[in-house]
Amino acid sequence: MTNLEKKKLLKFLLMQKSSFSFSRLKELELVKKNKNYRYLDSKEIAFIVLSFYFEENLKQLDLLIPKTKRTKSTTAKIKQFLQYQLESDLKNKNFLKKSFLFLLTEKKVSQILDYFFSTSSKMWSLAGDTATDINYYSKRLILSSIYSKIFIKILNLSNYSKELIEEDIQNSLKKVKQFNDFKSKICSADILSIIKNFNFGSKEKGRGF
């Protein structure tokens, strides 16, 4: 399949509401007419199209770079990229719901996790992140968690609107900030003084964990 053929099929599927199934793509007239699909089954075509969608999705984030150049705060840039991505997801809600249900049915959980991590990693890179240590992974895992939670809300709530995206992003980042503030206080504290407060001679009975 050429990129042009993938783009044509993807565009067609994105326009559909609920009148297609990834497991029955070969029944579509658009697919039947193309000889390049002849030796592929519906699921193989589905995986090719979804991989193409995810690749194109990452490229779309580049379009936001000119708008973020004047933004100095990295966190503010992340908010812009996240807002842009989630608005795109809301627009393609029906397609994405079918896509992720198909991947779950096919037990492709790793592909789903990779999508959230790759998208989050792209956002951090475009925002100017240069971390190479453990922070590289922690930043991306935290953002993946924020993104995936709001993404799932979009798919599951029929009345979810564009206005709620900014509110959810704000609340999620606020919780992360509170956690980071708490973590900083713990890390900067005098560990020895904390240890002294523990009564190691106590033999109280209780349930462990």
C-alpha atoms as a PDB file:
ATOM      1  CA  MET A   1       0.000   0.000   0.000  1.00  0.00           C
ATOM      2  CA  THR A   2       1.324   3.431  -0.949  1.00  0.00           C
ATOM      3  CA  ASN A   3       1.015   6.409   1.388  1.00  0.00           C
ATOM      4  CA  LEU A   4      -1.501   7.920  -1.013  1.00  0.00           C
ATOM      5  CA  GLU A   5      -3.687   4.797  -0.756  1.00  0.00           C
ATOM      6  CA  LYS A   6      -3.376   4.782   3.035  1.00  0.00           C
ATOM      7  CA  LYS A   7      -4.317   8.450   3.185  1.00  0.00           C
ATOM      8  CA  LYS A   8      -7.322   7.918   0.942  1.00  0.00           C
ATOM      9  CA  LEU A   9      -8.647   5.006   3.007  1.00  0.00           C
ATOM     10  CA  LEU A  10      -7.947   6.795   6.290  1.00  0.00           C
ATOM     11  CA  LYS A  11      -9.774   9.906   5.109  1.00  0.00           C
ATOM     12  CA  PHE A  12     -12.760   7.761   4.145  1.00  0.00           C
ATOM     13  CA  LEU A  13     -12.842   6.002   7.547  1.00  0.00           C
ATOM     14  CA  LEU A  14     -12.527   9.269   9.466  1.00  0.00           C
ATOM     15  CA  MET A  15     -15.625  10.556   7.704  1.00  0.00           C
ATOM     16  CA  GLN A  16     -17.702   7.534   8.727  1.00  0.00           C
ATOM     17  CA  LYS A  17     -19.846   7.660  11.848  1.00  0.00           C
ATOM     18  CA  SER A  18     -20.415   4.019  12.720  1.00  0.00           C
ATOM     19  CA  SER A  19     -20.910   2.325   9.380  1.00  0.00           C
ATOM     20  CA  PHE A  20     -17.682   0.341   9.223  1.00  0.00           C
ATOM     21  CA  SER A  21     -15.841  -2.362  11.099  1.00  0.00           C
ATOM     22  CA  PHE A  22     -12.065  -2.831  11.136  1.00  0.00           C
ATOM     23  CA  SER A  23     -12.561  -6.587  10.969  1.00  0.00           C
ATOM     24  CA  ARG A  24     -14.622  -6.222   7.774  1.00  0.00           C
ATOM     25  CA  LEU A  25     -12.729  -3.586   5.791  1.00  0.00           C
ATOM     26  CA  LYS A  26     -12.532  -5.787   2.692  1.00  0.00           C
ATOM     27  CA  GLU A  27     -16.293  -5.385   2.296  1.00  0.00           C
ATOM     28  CA  LEU A  28     -15.879  -1.656   1.586  1.00  0.00           C
ATOM     29  CA  GLU A  29     -16.208  -0.681  -2.083  1.00  0.00           C
ATOM     30  CA  LEU A  30     -13.124   1.495  -1.815  1.00  0.00           C
ATOM     31  CA  VAL A  31     -11.103  -1.538  -0.766  1.00  0.00           C
ATOM     32  CA  LYS A  32     -12.709  -3.928  -3.250  1.00  0.00           C
ATOM     33  CA  LYS A  33     -11.762  -1.681  -6.175  1.00  0.00           C
ATOM     34  CA  ASN A  34      -8.089  -1.508  -5.255  1.00  0.00           C
ATOM     35  CA  LYS A  35      -6.040  -4.477  -6.458  1.00  0.00           C
ATOM     36  CA  ASN A  36      -3.292  -3.721  -3.902  1.00  0.00           C
ATOM     37  CA  TYR A  37      -5.626  -4.887  -1.147  1.00  0.00           C
ATOM     38  CA  ARG A  38      -6.264  -8.218  -2.868  1.00  0.00           C
ATOM     39  CA  TYR A  39      -3.750 -10.289  -0.890  1.00  0.00           C
ATOM     40  CA  LEU A  40      -4.408  -8.637   2.477  1.00  0.00           C
ATOM     41  CA  ASP A  41      -7.160  -9.568   4.886  1.00  0.00           C
ATOM     42  CA  SER A  42      -9.246  -6.985   6.745  1.00  0.00           C
ATOM     43  CA  LYS A  43      -7.183  -7.099   9.923  1.00  0.00           C
ATOM     44  CA  GLU A  44      -3.910  -6.630   8.062  1.00  0.00           C
ATOM     45  CA  ILE A  45      -5.369  -3.597   6.306  1.00  0.00           C
ATOM     46  CA  ALA A  46      -6.624  -2.273   9.645  1.00  0.00           C
ATOM     47  CA  PHE A  47      -3.177  -2.491  11.281  1.00  0.00           C
ATOM     48  CA  ILE A  48      -1.571  -0.732   8.311  1.00  0.00           C
ATOM     49  CA  VAL A  49      -4.122   2.101   8.379  1.00  0.00           C
ATOM     50  CA  LEU A  50      -3.911   2.537  12.144  1.00  0.00           C
ATOM     51  CA  SER A  51      -0.103   2.643  12.089  1.00  0.00           C
ATOM     52  CA  PHE A  52      -0.343   5.278   9.370  1.00  0.00           C
ATOM     53  CA  TYR A  53      -2.853   7.270  11.439  1.00  0.00           C
ATOM     54  CA  PHE A  54      -0.570   7.235  14.492  1.00  0.00           C
ATOM     55  CA  GLU A  55       2.412   8.343  12.380  1.00  0.00           C
ATOM     56  CA  GLU A  56       0.444  11.188  10.796  1.00  0.00           C
ATOM     57  CA  ASN A  57      -0.905  12.155  14.202  1.00  0.00           C
ATOM     58  CA  LEU A  58       2.637  12.747  15.486  1.00  0.00           C
ATOM     59  CA  LYS A  59       3.471  14.855  12.430  1.00  0.00           C
ATOM     60  CA  GLN A  60       0.434  17.075  13.070  1.00  0.00           C
ATOM     61  CA  LEU A  61       1.953  18.234  16.360  1.00  0.00           C
ATOM     62  CA  ASP A  62       4.731  19.912  14.356  1.00  0.00           C
ATOM     63  CA  LEU A  63       2.142  22.337  12.982  1.00  0.00           C
ATOM     64  CA  LEU A  64       1.843  23.879  16.426  1.00  0.00           C
ATOM     65  CA  ILE A  65       5.542  24.808  16.697  1.00  0.00           C
ATOM     66  CA  PRO A  66       5.137  28.378  15.270  1.00  0.00           C
ATOM     67  CA  LYS A  67       2.405  29.103  17.841  1.00  0.00           C
ATOM     68  CA  THR A  68       4.548  27.965  20.764  1.00  0.00           C
ATOM     69  CA  LYS A  69       7.700  29.903  19.858  1.00  0.00           C
ATOM     70  CA  ARG A  70       6.639  32.932  21.893  1.00  0.00           C
ATOM     71  CA  THR A  71       5.782  30.767  24.886  1.00  0.00           C
ATOM     72  CA  LYS A  72       8.729  30.672  27.306  1.00  0.00           C
ATOM     73  CA  SER A  73       7.352  28.274  29.922  1.00  0.00           C
ATOM     74  CA  THR A  74       7.849  24.589  29.091  1.00  0.00           C
ATOM     75  CA  THR A  75       4.735  23.698  31.096  1.00  0.00           C
ATOM     76  CA  ALA A  76       2.711  26.243  29.104  1.00  0.00           C
ATOM     77  CA  LYS A  77       3.974  24.681  25.870  1.00  0.00           C
ATOM     78  CA  ILE A  78       2.991  21.210  27.077  1.00  0.00           C
ATOM     79  CA  LYS A  79      -0.504  22.534  27.827  1.00  0.00           C
ATOM     80  CA  GLN A  80      -0.754  23.901  24.286  1.00  0.00           C
ATOM     81  CA  PHE A  81       0.344  20.632  22.685  1.00  0.00           C
ATOM     82  CA  LEU A  82      -1.946  18.595  24.939  1.00  0.00           C
ATOM     83  CA  GLN A  83      -4.904  20.880  24.226  1.00  0.00           C
ATOM     84  CA  TYR A  84      -4.271  20.643  20.482  1.00  0.00           C
ATOM     85  CA  GLN A  85      -3.963  16.845  20.562  1.00  0.00           C
ATOM     86  CA  LEU A  86      -7.073  16.278  22.676  1.00  0.00           C
ATOM     87  CA  GLU A  87      -9.162  18.592  20.508  1.00  0.00           C
ATOM     88  CA  SER A  88      -8.068  16.522  17.514  1.00  0.00           C
ATOM     89  CA  ASP A  89      -9.001  13.330  19.401  1.00  0.00           C
ATOM     90  CA  LEU A  90     -12.424  14.768  20.215  1.00  0.00           C
ATOM     91  CA  LYS A  91     -12.965  15.545  16.550  1.00  0.00           C
ATOM     92  CA  ASN A  92     -12.043  11.957  15.583  1.00  0.00           C
ATOM     93  CA  LYS A  93     -13.807  10.412  18.550  1.00  0.00           C
ATOM     94  CA  ASN A  94     -15.844   7.785  16.649  1.00  0.00           C
ATOM     95  CA  PHE A  95     -12.864   6.609  14.636  1.00  0.00           C
ATOM     96  CA  LEU A  96     -10.627   6.403  17.708  1.00  0.00           C
ATOM     97  CA  LYS A  97     -13.217   4.531  19.725  1.00  0.00           C
ATOM     98  CA  LYS A  98     -13.420   1.877  17.029  1.00  0.00           C
ATOM     99  CA  SER A  99      -9.631   1.849  16.672  1.00  0.00           C
ATOM    100  CA  PHE A 100      -8.866   1.227  20.326  1.00  0.00           C
ATOM    101  CA  LEU A 101     -11.643  -1.327  20.739  1.00  0.00           C
ATOM    102  CA  PHE A 102     -10.214  -3.176  17.741  1.00  0.00           C
ATOM    103  CA  LEU A 103      -6.682  -3.084  19.187  1.00  0.00           C
ATOM    104  CA  LEU A 104      -7.947  -4.316  22.547  1.00  0.00           C
ATOM    105  CA  THR A 105      -9.862  -7.124  20.871  1.00  0.00           C
ATOM    106  CA  GLU A 106      -6.702  -8.106  19.012  1.00  0.00           C
ATOM    107  CA  LYS A 107      -4.745  -7.964  22.309  1.00  0.00           C
ATOM    108  CA  LYS A 108      -2.503  -5.177  21.027  1.00  0.00           C
ATOM    109  CA  VAL A 109      -2.251  -3.408  24.391  1.00  0.00           C
ATOM    110  CA  SER A 110       1.435  -2.694  23.824  1.00  0.00           C
ATOM    111  CA  GLN A 111       0.560  -0.705  20.696  1.00  0.00           C
ATOM    112  CA  ILE A 112      -1.924   1.374  22.694  1.00  0.00           C
ATOM    113  CA  LEU A 113       0.626   2.092  25.432  1.00  0.00           C
ATOM    114  CA  ASP A 114       3.240   2.915  22.809  1.00  0.00           C
ATOM    115  CA  TYR A 115       0.838   5.413  21.221  1.00  0.00           C
ATOM    116  CA  PHE A 116       0.386   7.369  24.467  1.00  0.00           C
ATOM    117  CA  PHE A 117       4.098   7.277  25.325  1.00  0.00           C
ATOM    118  CA  SER A 118       5.237   8.250  21.804  1.00  0.00           C
ATOM    119  CA  THR A 119       2.766  11.122  21.624  1.00  0.00           C
ATOM    120  CA  SER A 120       3.782  12.363  25.079  1.00  0.00           C
ATOM    121  CA  SER A 121       7.459  12.047  24.186  1.00  0.00           C
ATOM    122  CA  LYS A 122       6.900  14.069  21.016  1.00  0.00           C
ATOM    123  CA  MET A 123       5.197  16.824  23.030  1.00  0.00           C
ATOM    124  CA  TRP A 124       8.116  17.032  25.460  1.00  0.00           C
ATOM    125  CA  SER A 125      10.657  17.107  22.624  1.00  0.00           C
ATOM    126  CA  LEU A 126       8.794  19.889  20.820  1.00  0.00           C
ATOM    127  CA  ALA A 127       8.507  21.791  24.100  1.00  0.00           C
ATOM    128  CA  GLY A 128      12.314  21.814  24.304  1.00  0.00           C
ATOM    129  CA  ASP A 129      12.926  19.116  26.899  1.00  0.00           C
ATOM    130  CA  THR A 130      16.556  18.008  26.987  1.00  0.00           C
ATOM    131  CA  ALA A 131      16.460  15.559  29.919  1.00  0.00           C
ATOM    132  CA  THR A 132      18.537  12.408  29.479  1.00  0.00           C
ATOM    133  CA  ASP A 133      18.396  10.875  32.959  1.00  0.00           C
ATOM    134  CA  ILE A 134      15.493   9.294  34.853  1.00  0.00           C
ATOM    135  CA  ASN A 135      13.573  12.560  34.395  1.00  0.00           C
ATOM    136  CA  TYR A 136      13.295  11.772  30.675  1.00  0.00           C
ATOM    137  CA  TYR A 137      11.090   8.776  31.455  1.00  0.00           C
ATOM    138  CA  SER A 138       9.261  10.193  34.474  1.00  0.00           C
ATOM    139  CA  LYS A 139       8.134  13.280  32.528  1.00  0.00           C
ATOM    140  CA  ARG A 140       6.821  11.165  29.676  1.00  0.00           C
ATOM    141  CA  LEU A 141       5.109   8.624  31.918  1.00  0.00           C
ATOM    142  CA  ILE A 142       3.357  11.377  33.890  1.00  0.00           C
ATOM    143  CA  LEU A 143       2.221  13.112  30.697  1.00  0.00           C
ATOM    144  CA  SER A 144       1.116   9.747  29.243  1.00  0.00           C
ATOM    145  CA  SER A 145      -1.022   9.210  32.329  1.00  0.00           C
ATOM    146  CA  ILE A 146      -2.620  12.658  32.047  1.00  0.00           C
ATOM    147  CA  TYR A 147      -3.213  12.295  28.318  1.00  0.00           C
ATOM    148  CA  SER A 148      -4.642   8.756  28.492  1.00  0.00           C
ATOM    149  CA  LYS A 149      -7.053   9.589  31.340  1.00  0.00           C
ATOM    150  CA  ILE A 150      -8.559  12.565  29.506  1.00  0.00           C
ATOM    151  CA  PHE A 151      -8.536  10.573  26.250  1.00  0.00           C
ATOM    152  CA  ILE A 152     -10.597   7.801  27.880  1.00  0.00           C
ATOM    153  CA  LYS A 153     -13.062  10.391  29.202  1.00  0.00           C
ATOM    154  CA  ILE A 154     -13.494  11.744  25.692  1.00  0.00           C
ATOM    155  CA  LEU A 155     -14.283   8.295  24.334  1.00  0.00           C
ATOM    156  CA  ASN A 156     -16.626   7.268  27.132  1.00  0.00           C
ATOM    157  CA  LEU A 157     -18.621  10.432  27.852  1.00  0.00           C
ATOM    158  CA  SER A 158     -21.170  11.254  25.160  1.00  0.00           C
ATOM    159  CA  ASN A 159     -21.537  14.848  26.352  1.00  0.00           C
ATOM    160  CA  TYR A 160     -17.810  15.594  26.642  1.00  0.00           C
ATOM    161  CA  SER A 161     -17.120  18.989  25.050  1.00  0.00           C
ATOM    162  CA  LYS A 162     -14.156  21.036  23.901  1.00  0.00           C
ATOM    163  CA  GLU A 163     -14.595  23.347  26.901  1.00  0.00           C
ATOM    164  CA  LEU A 164     -13.949  20.487  29.324  1.00  0.00           C
ATOM    165  CA  ILE A 165     -10.541  19.704  27.818  1.00  0.00           C
ATOM    166  CA  GLU A 166      -8.833  22.818  29.175  1.00  0.00           C
ATOM    167  CA  GLU A 167     -10.456  22.299  32.578  1.00  0.00           C
ATOM    168  CA  ASP A 168      -9.282  18.673  32.793  1.00  0.00           C
ATOM    169  CA  ILE A 169      -5.755  19.581  31.683  1.00  0.00           C
ATOM    170  CA  GLN A 170      -5.578  22.329  34.277  1.00  0.00           C
ATOM    171  CA  ASN A 171      -6.783  20.059  37.087  1.00  0.00           C
ATOM    172  CA  SER A 172      -4.411  17.250  36.082  1.00  0.00           C
ATOM    173  CA  LEU A 173      -1.344  19.524  35.921  1.00  0.00           C
ATOM    174  CA  LYS A 174      -2.300  21.051  39.259  1.00  0.00           C
ATOM    175  CA  LYS A 175      -2.231  17.598  40.874  1.00  0.00           C
ATOM    176  CA  VAL A 176       1.175  16.880  39.319  1.00  0.00           C
ATOM    177  CA  LYS A 177       2.525  20.193  40.655  1.00  0.00           C
ATOM    178  CA  GLN A 178       1.282  19.358  44.149  1.00  0.00           C
ATOM    179  CA  PHE A 179       3.002  15.969  43.941  1.00  0.00           C
ATOM    180  CA  ASN A 180       6.269  17.540  42.721  1.00  0.00           C
ATOM    181  CA  ASP A 181       6.176  20.123  45.513  1.00  0.00           C
ATOM    182  CA  PHE A 182       5.693  17.359  48.075  1.00  0.00           C
ATOM    183  CA  LYS A 183       8.470  15.278  46.496  1.00  0.00           C
ATOM    184  CA  SER A 184      10.871  18.238  46.575  1.00  0.00           C
ATOM    185  CA  LYS A 185      10.228  18.807  50.267  1.00  0.00           C
ATOM    186  CA  ILE A 186      10.900  15.160  51.046  1.00  0.00           C
ATOM    187  CA  CYS A 187      14.064  15.049  48.947  1.00  0.00           C
ATOM    188  CA  SER A 188      15.476  18.237  50.463  1.00  0.00           C
ATOM    189  CA  ALA A 189      14.734  17.252  54.065  1.00  0.00           C
ATOM    190  CA  ASP A 190      17.368  16.042  56.492  1.00  0.00           C
ATOM    191  CA  ILE A 191      16.885  12.267  56.263  1.00  0.00           C
ATOM    192  CA  LEU A 192      18.693  11.650  59.536  1.00  0.00           C
ATOM    193  CA  SER A 193      16.340  13.920  61.445  1.00  0.00           C
ATOM    194  CA  ILE A 194      13.379  12.005  60.011  1.00  0.00           C
ATOM    195  CA  ILE A 195      14.862   8.651  61.017  1.00  0.00           C
ATOM    196  CA  LYS A 196      15.375   9.868  64.585  1.00  0.00           C
ATOM    197  CA  ASN A 197      11.636  10.392  64.913  1.00  0.00           C
ATOM    198  CA  PHE A 198      10.941   6.691  64.364  1.00  0.00           C
ATOM    199  CA  ASN A 199      10.692   4.417  67.369  1.00  0.00           C
ATOM    200  CA  PHE A 200      12.495   1.291  66.168  1.00  0.00           C
ATOM    201  CA  GLY A 201      12.017  -0.360  69.586  1.00  0.00           C
ATOM    202  CA  SER A 202       8.243  -0.384  69.229  1.00  0.00           C
ATOM    203  CA  LYS A 203       6.750  -3.867  68.977  1.00  0.00           C
ATOM    204  CA  GLU A 204       3.160  -2.983  68.258  1.00  0.00           C
ATOM    205  CA  LYS A 205       1.327  -5.709  66.425  1.00  0.00           C
ATOM    206  CA  GLY A 206      -0.464  -4.924  63.233  1.00  0.00           C
ATOM    207  CA  ARG A 207      -1.040  -5.956  59.638  1.00  0.00           C
ATOM    208  CA  GLY A 208       1.769  -5.454  57.204  1.00  0.00           C
ATOM    209  CA  PHE A 209       1.455  -4.620  53.542  1.00  0.00           C
END
